[in-house]
Amino acid sequence: MRMQCLVYKSLRQFDYYLFVKKGEDMERVPDALKTLLGNLEFVTDVELHDQRKLAQADVVEVMAQIEAEGYYLQMPPRQGLDHDIS
């Protein structure tokens, strides 16, 4: 399976990236999410396929979510406490 996607970054939420299927663009992105993300800046046009590697997510899961929901939201990795705070 291959999917052509557009990737946007949020100008309000640091390191939040929104993937949408090219041709559908923002049609299926919920209004509440659009409000949360604020203004978006286009980053790239990318072809997703099962051999492509993504830095933070499994590409097959990303494509499945885009098909089901109309978008995939990549958020920054969670920062755990790596040191003793006592």
N, C-alpha and C. Protein backbone atom coordinates (compact mmCIF):
# COMPACT_ATOMS: atom_id res chain seq x y z
N MET A 1 0.84 -1.19 0.00
CA MET A 1 0.00 0.00 0.00
C MET A 1 0.88 1.25 0.00
N ARG A 2 0.49 2.21 -0.78
CA ARG A 2 1.19 3.49 -0.84
C ARG A 2 0.19 4.61 -0.62
N MET A 3 0.67 5.67 -0.01
CA MET A 3 -0.21 6.80 0.28
C MET A 3 0.59 8.10 0.16
N GLN A 4 0.08 9.02 -0.62
CA GLN A 4 0.70 10.33 -0.74
C GLN A 4 0.13 11.23 0.35
N CYS A 5 1.01 11.82 1.15
CA CYS A 5 0.58 12.64 2.29
C CYS A 5 1.23 14.01 2.27
N LEU A 6 0.53 14.93 2.91
CA LEU A 6 1.06 16.26 3.17
C LEU A 6 1.33 16.34 4.67
N VAL A 7 2.44 16.95 5.03
CA VAL A 7 2.82 17.07 6.43
C VAL A 7 2.89 18.55 6.78
N TYR A 8 2.24 18.90 7.90
CA TYR A 8 2.21 20.27 8.40
C TYR A 8 2.73 20.29 9.82
N LYS A 9 3.35 21.39 10.22
CA LYS A 9 3.75 21.53 11.62
C LYS A 9 2.91 22.62 12.26
N SER A 10 2.63 22.42 13.54
CA SER A 10 1.86 23.40 14.30
C SER A 10 2.77 24.55 14.69
N LEU A 11 2.30 25.76 14.52
CA LEU A 11 3.07 26.92 14.96
C LEU A 11 2.76 27.26 16.42
N ARG A 12 1.75 26.61 16.99
CA ARG A 12 1.38 26.84 18.38
C ARG A 12 1.94 25.76 19.30
N GLN A 13 1.91 24.50 18.85
CA GLN A 13 2.34 23.37 19.67
C GLN A 13 3.70 22.88 19.15
N PHE A 14 4.73 23.04 19.95
CA PHE A 14 6.09 22.68 19.55
C PHE A 14 6.20 21.19 19.23
N ASP A 15 6.79 20.88 18.10
CA ASP A 15 7.04 19.51 17.66
C ASP A 15 5.79 18.68 17.40
N TYR A 16 4.68 19.31 17.07
CA TYR A 16 3.47 18.60 16.67
C TYR A 16 3.39 18.66 15.15
N TYR A 17 3.24 17.48 14.52
CA TYR A 17 3.16 17.40 13.06
C TYR A 17 1.88 16.67 12.68
N LEU A 18 1.18 17.21 11.70
CA LEU A 18 -0.08 16.64 11.24
C LEU A 18 0.13 16.07 9.84
N PHE A 19 -0.17 14.77 9.69
CA PHE A 19 -0.10 14.09 8.40
C PHE A 19 -1.53 13.95 7.88
N VAL A 20 -1.77 14.34 6.64
CA VAL A 20 -3.08 14.17 6.01
C VAL A 20 -2.88 13.61 4.61
N LYS A 21 -3.89 12.89 4.15
CA LYS A 21 -3.83 12.29 2.83
C LYS A 21 -3.97 13.39 1.77
N LYS A 22 -3.06 13.37 0.81
CA LYS A 22 -3.12 14.36 -0.26
C LYS A 22 -4.44 14.18 -1.01
N GLY A 23 -5.09 15.27 -1.30
CA GLY A 23 -6.38 15.23 -1.97
C GLY A 23 -7.53 15.40 -1.00
N GLU A 24 -7.36 14.91 0.24
CA GLU A 24 -8.37 15.12 1.28
C GLU A 24 -7.99 16.33 2.12
N ASP A 25 -6.69 16.55 2.23
CA ASP A 25 -6.15 17.64 3.02
C ASP A 25 -6.81 17.70 4.40
N MET A 26 -7.39 18.82 4.78
CA MET A 26 -7.92 19.00 6.14
C MET A 26 -9.40 18.64 6.29
N GLU A 27 -10.00 18.06 5.26
CA GLU A 27 -11.43 17.77 5.27
C GLU A 27 -11.88 16.99 6.49
N ARG A 28 -11.12 15.99 6.92
CA ARG A 28 -11.55 15.09 7.99
C ARG A 28 -10.89 15.39 9.34
N VAL A 29 -10.08 16.43 9.40
CA VAL A 29 -9.44 16.80 10.67
C VAL A 29 -10.49 17.52 11.53
N PRO A 30 -10.72 17.03 12.77
CA PRO A 30 -11.72 17.67 13.63
C PRO A 30 -11.40 19.13 13.92
N ASP A 31 -12.44 19.94 14.01
CA ASP A 31 -12.28 21.36 14.29
C ASP A 31 -11.55 21.60 15.61
N ALA A 32 -11.84 20.77 16.62
CA ALA A 32 -11.18 20.93 17.93
C ALA A 32 -9.67 20.74 17.81
N LEU A 33 -9.24 19.80 16.97
CA LEU A 33 -7.81 19.59 16.77
C LEU A 33 -7.20 20.76 16.01
N LYS A 34 -7.90 21.26 15.02
CA LYS A 34 -7.41 22.43 14.29
C LYS A 34 -7.22 23.62 15.23
N THR A 35 -8.16 23.79 16.15
CA THR A 35 -8.07 24.88 17.13
C THR A 35 -6.87 24.68 18.04
N LEU A 36 -6.69 23.46 18.52
CA LEU A 36 -5.56 23.14 19.41
C LEU A 36 -4.22 23.42 18.73
N LEU A 37 -4.10 23.03 17.47
CA LEU A 37 -2.84 23.18 16.75
C LEU A 37 -2.58 24.61 16.30
N GLY A 38 -3.63 25.39 16.12
CA GLY A 38 -3.46 26.76 15.65
C GLY A 38 -3.03 26.79 14.19
N ASN A 39 -2.29 27.82 13.83
CA ASN A 39 -1.82 27.94 12.45
C ASN A 39 -0.85 26.81 12.13
N LEU A 40 -0.98 26.29 10.92
CA LEU A 40 -0.12 25.20 10.46
C LEU A 40 0.76 25.69 9.32
N GLU A 41 1.97 25.18 9.29
CA GLU A 41 2.92 25.51 8.22
C GLU A 41 3.22 24.24 7.45
N PHE A 42 3.09 24.28 6.11
CA PHE A 42 3.40 23.13 5.28
C PHE A 42 4.87 22.78 5.41
N VAL A 43 5.15 21.48 5.60
CA VAL A 43 6.53 21.02 5.74
C VAL A 43 6.98 20.26 4.50
N THR A 44 6.21 19.25 4.10
CA THR A 44 6.63 18.41 2.98
C THR A 44 5.48 17.60 2.42
N ASP A 45 5.69 17.10 1.24
CA ASP A 45 4.80 16.17 0.55
C ASP A 45 5.59 14.86 0.55
N VAL A 46 5.02 13.79 1.11
CA VAL A 46 5.77 12.55 1.27
C VAL A 46 4.92 11.35 0.85
N GLU A 47 5.57 10.37 0.24
CA GLU A 47 4.89 9.12 -0.09
C GLU A 47 5.18 8.12 1.02
N LEU A 48 4.12 7.63 1.66
CA LEU A 48 4.27 6.61 2.69
C LEU A 48 4.04 5.24 2.06
N HIS A 49 4.82 4.27 2.48
CA HIS A 49 4.66 2.88 2.05
C HIS A 49 5.31 2.00 3.10
N ASP A 50 5.03 0.70 3.06
CA ASP A 50 5.46 -0.18 4.14
C ASP A 50 6.97 -0.32 4.30
N GLN A 51 7.74 0.09 3.35
CA GLN A 51 9.21 0.02 3.46
C GLN A 51 9.82 1.32 3.98
N ARG A 52 9.02 2.36 4.07
CA ARG A 52 9.52 3.67 4.52
C ARG A 52 9.66 3.68 6.03
N LYS A 53 10.72 4.28 6.51
CA LYS A 53 10.94 4.41 7.95
C LYS A 53 10.56 5.81 8.40
N LEU A 54 9.84 5.88 9.51
CA LEU A 54 9.52 7.15 10.14
C LEU A 54 10.24 7.20 11.48
N ALA A 55 10.62 8.37 11.90
CA ALA A 55 11.43 8.52 13.12
C ALA A 55 10.69 8.11 14.39
N GLN A 56 9.40 8.39 14.48
CA GLN A 56 8.71 8.18 15.75
C GLN A 56 7.53 7.23 15.71
N ALA A 57 7.21 6.67 14.57
CA ALA A 57 6.02 5.82 14.49
C ALA A 57 6.19 4.76 13.42
N ASP A 58 5.40 3.71 13.54
CA ASP A 58 5.36 2.65 12.54
C ASP A 58 4.54 3.15 11.35
N VAL A 59 5.13 3.12 10.18
CA VAL A 59 4.50 3.70 8.99
C VAL A 59 3.18 3.00 8.65
N VAL A 60 3.08 1.70 8.89
CA VAL A 60 1.84 0.98 8.59
C VAL A 60 0.72 1.47 9.51
N GLU A 61 1.04 1.69 10.78
CA GLU A 61 0.05 2.22 11.73
C GLU A 61 -0.36 3.65 11.36
N VAL A 62 0.60 4.44 10.92
CA VAL A 62 0.31 5.81 10.50
C VAL A 62 -0.66 5.80 9.32
N MET A 63 -0.37 4.98 8.31
CA MET A 63 -1.26 4.91 7.14
C MET A 63 -2.65 4.41 7.53
N ALA A 64 -2.71 3.42 8.43
CA ALA A 64 -4.00 2.89 8.87
C ALA A 64 -4.81 3.98 9.58
N GLN A 65 -4.16 4.77 10.41
CA GLN A 65 -4.88 5.83 11.11
C GLN A 65 -5.35 6.91 10.14
N ILE A 66 -4.52 7.25 9.17
CA ILE A 66 -4.93 8.25 8.18
C ILE A 66 -6.15 7.74 7.40
N GLU A 67 -6.15 6.47 7.03
CA GLU A 67 -7.30 5.90 6.31
C GLU A 67 -8.55 5.93 7.18
N ALA A 68 -8.41 5.56 8.46
CA ALA A 68 -9.56 5.46 9.36
C ALA A 68 -10.07 6.82 9.83
N GLU A 69 -9.14 7.70 10.21
CA GLU A 69 -9.52 8.96 10.85
C GLU A 69 -9.37 10.19 9.96
N GLY A 70 -8.57 10.06 8.91
CA GLY A 70 -8.35 11.20 8.02
C GLY A 70 -7.09 11.99 8.33
N TYR A 71 -6.39 11.59 9.40
CA TYR A 71 -5.17 12.30 9.78
C TYR A 71 -4.36 11.44 10.75
N TYR A 72 -3.10 11.82 10.92
CA TYR A 72 -2.25 11.26 11.97
C TYR A 72 -1.54 12.43 12.62
N LEU A 73 -1.58 12.49 13.94
CA LEU A 73 -0.91 13.55 14.68
C LEU A 73 0.34 12.99 15.34
N GLN A 74 1.49 13.50 14.93
CA GLN A 74 2.76 13.11 15.57
C GLN A 74 3.07 14.15 16.64
N MET A 75 3.21 13.66 17.87
CA MET A 75 3.52 14.54 18.99
C MET A 75 4.96 14.31 19.42
N PRO A 76 5.53 15.25 20.17
CA PRO A 76 6.92 15.07 20.61
C PRO A 76 7.02 13.86 21.53
N PRO A 77 8.18 13.21 21.53
CA PRO A 77 8.35 12.06 22.42
C PRO A 77 8.22 12.50 23.87
N ARG A 78 7.67 11.62 24.68
CA ARG A 78 7.54 11.93 26.11
C ARG A 78 8.90 11.91 26.76
N GLN A 79 9.10 12.88 27.63
CA GLN A 79 10.35 12.97 28.37
C GLN A 79 10.12 12.38 29.76
N GLY A 80 10.80 11.28 30.06
CA GLY A 80 10.67 10.66 31.37
C GLY A 80 11.67 11.26 32.33
N LEU A 81 11.49 10.95 33.59
CA LEU A 81 12.46 11.39 34.60
C LEU A 81 13.60 10.38 34.61
N ASP A 82 14.73 10.80 34.12
CA ASP A 82 15.88 9.90 34.03
C ASP A 82 16.83 10.05 35.20
N HIS A 83 16.50 10.89 36.14
CA HIS A 83 17.41 11.12 37.25
C HIS A 83 16.63 11.17 38.56
N ASP A 84 17.33 10.97 39.65
CA ASP A 84 16.73 11.00 40.98
C ASP A 84 16.50 12.45 41.37
N ILE A 85 15.26 12.78 41.72
CA ILE A 85 14.95 14.17 42.06
C ILE A 85 14.86 14.38 43.57
N SER A 86 15.22 13.39 44.38
CA SER A 86 15.12 13.55 45.84
C SER A 86 16.30 14.29 46.41
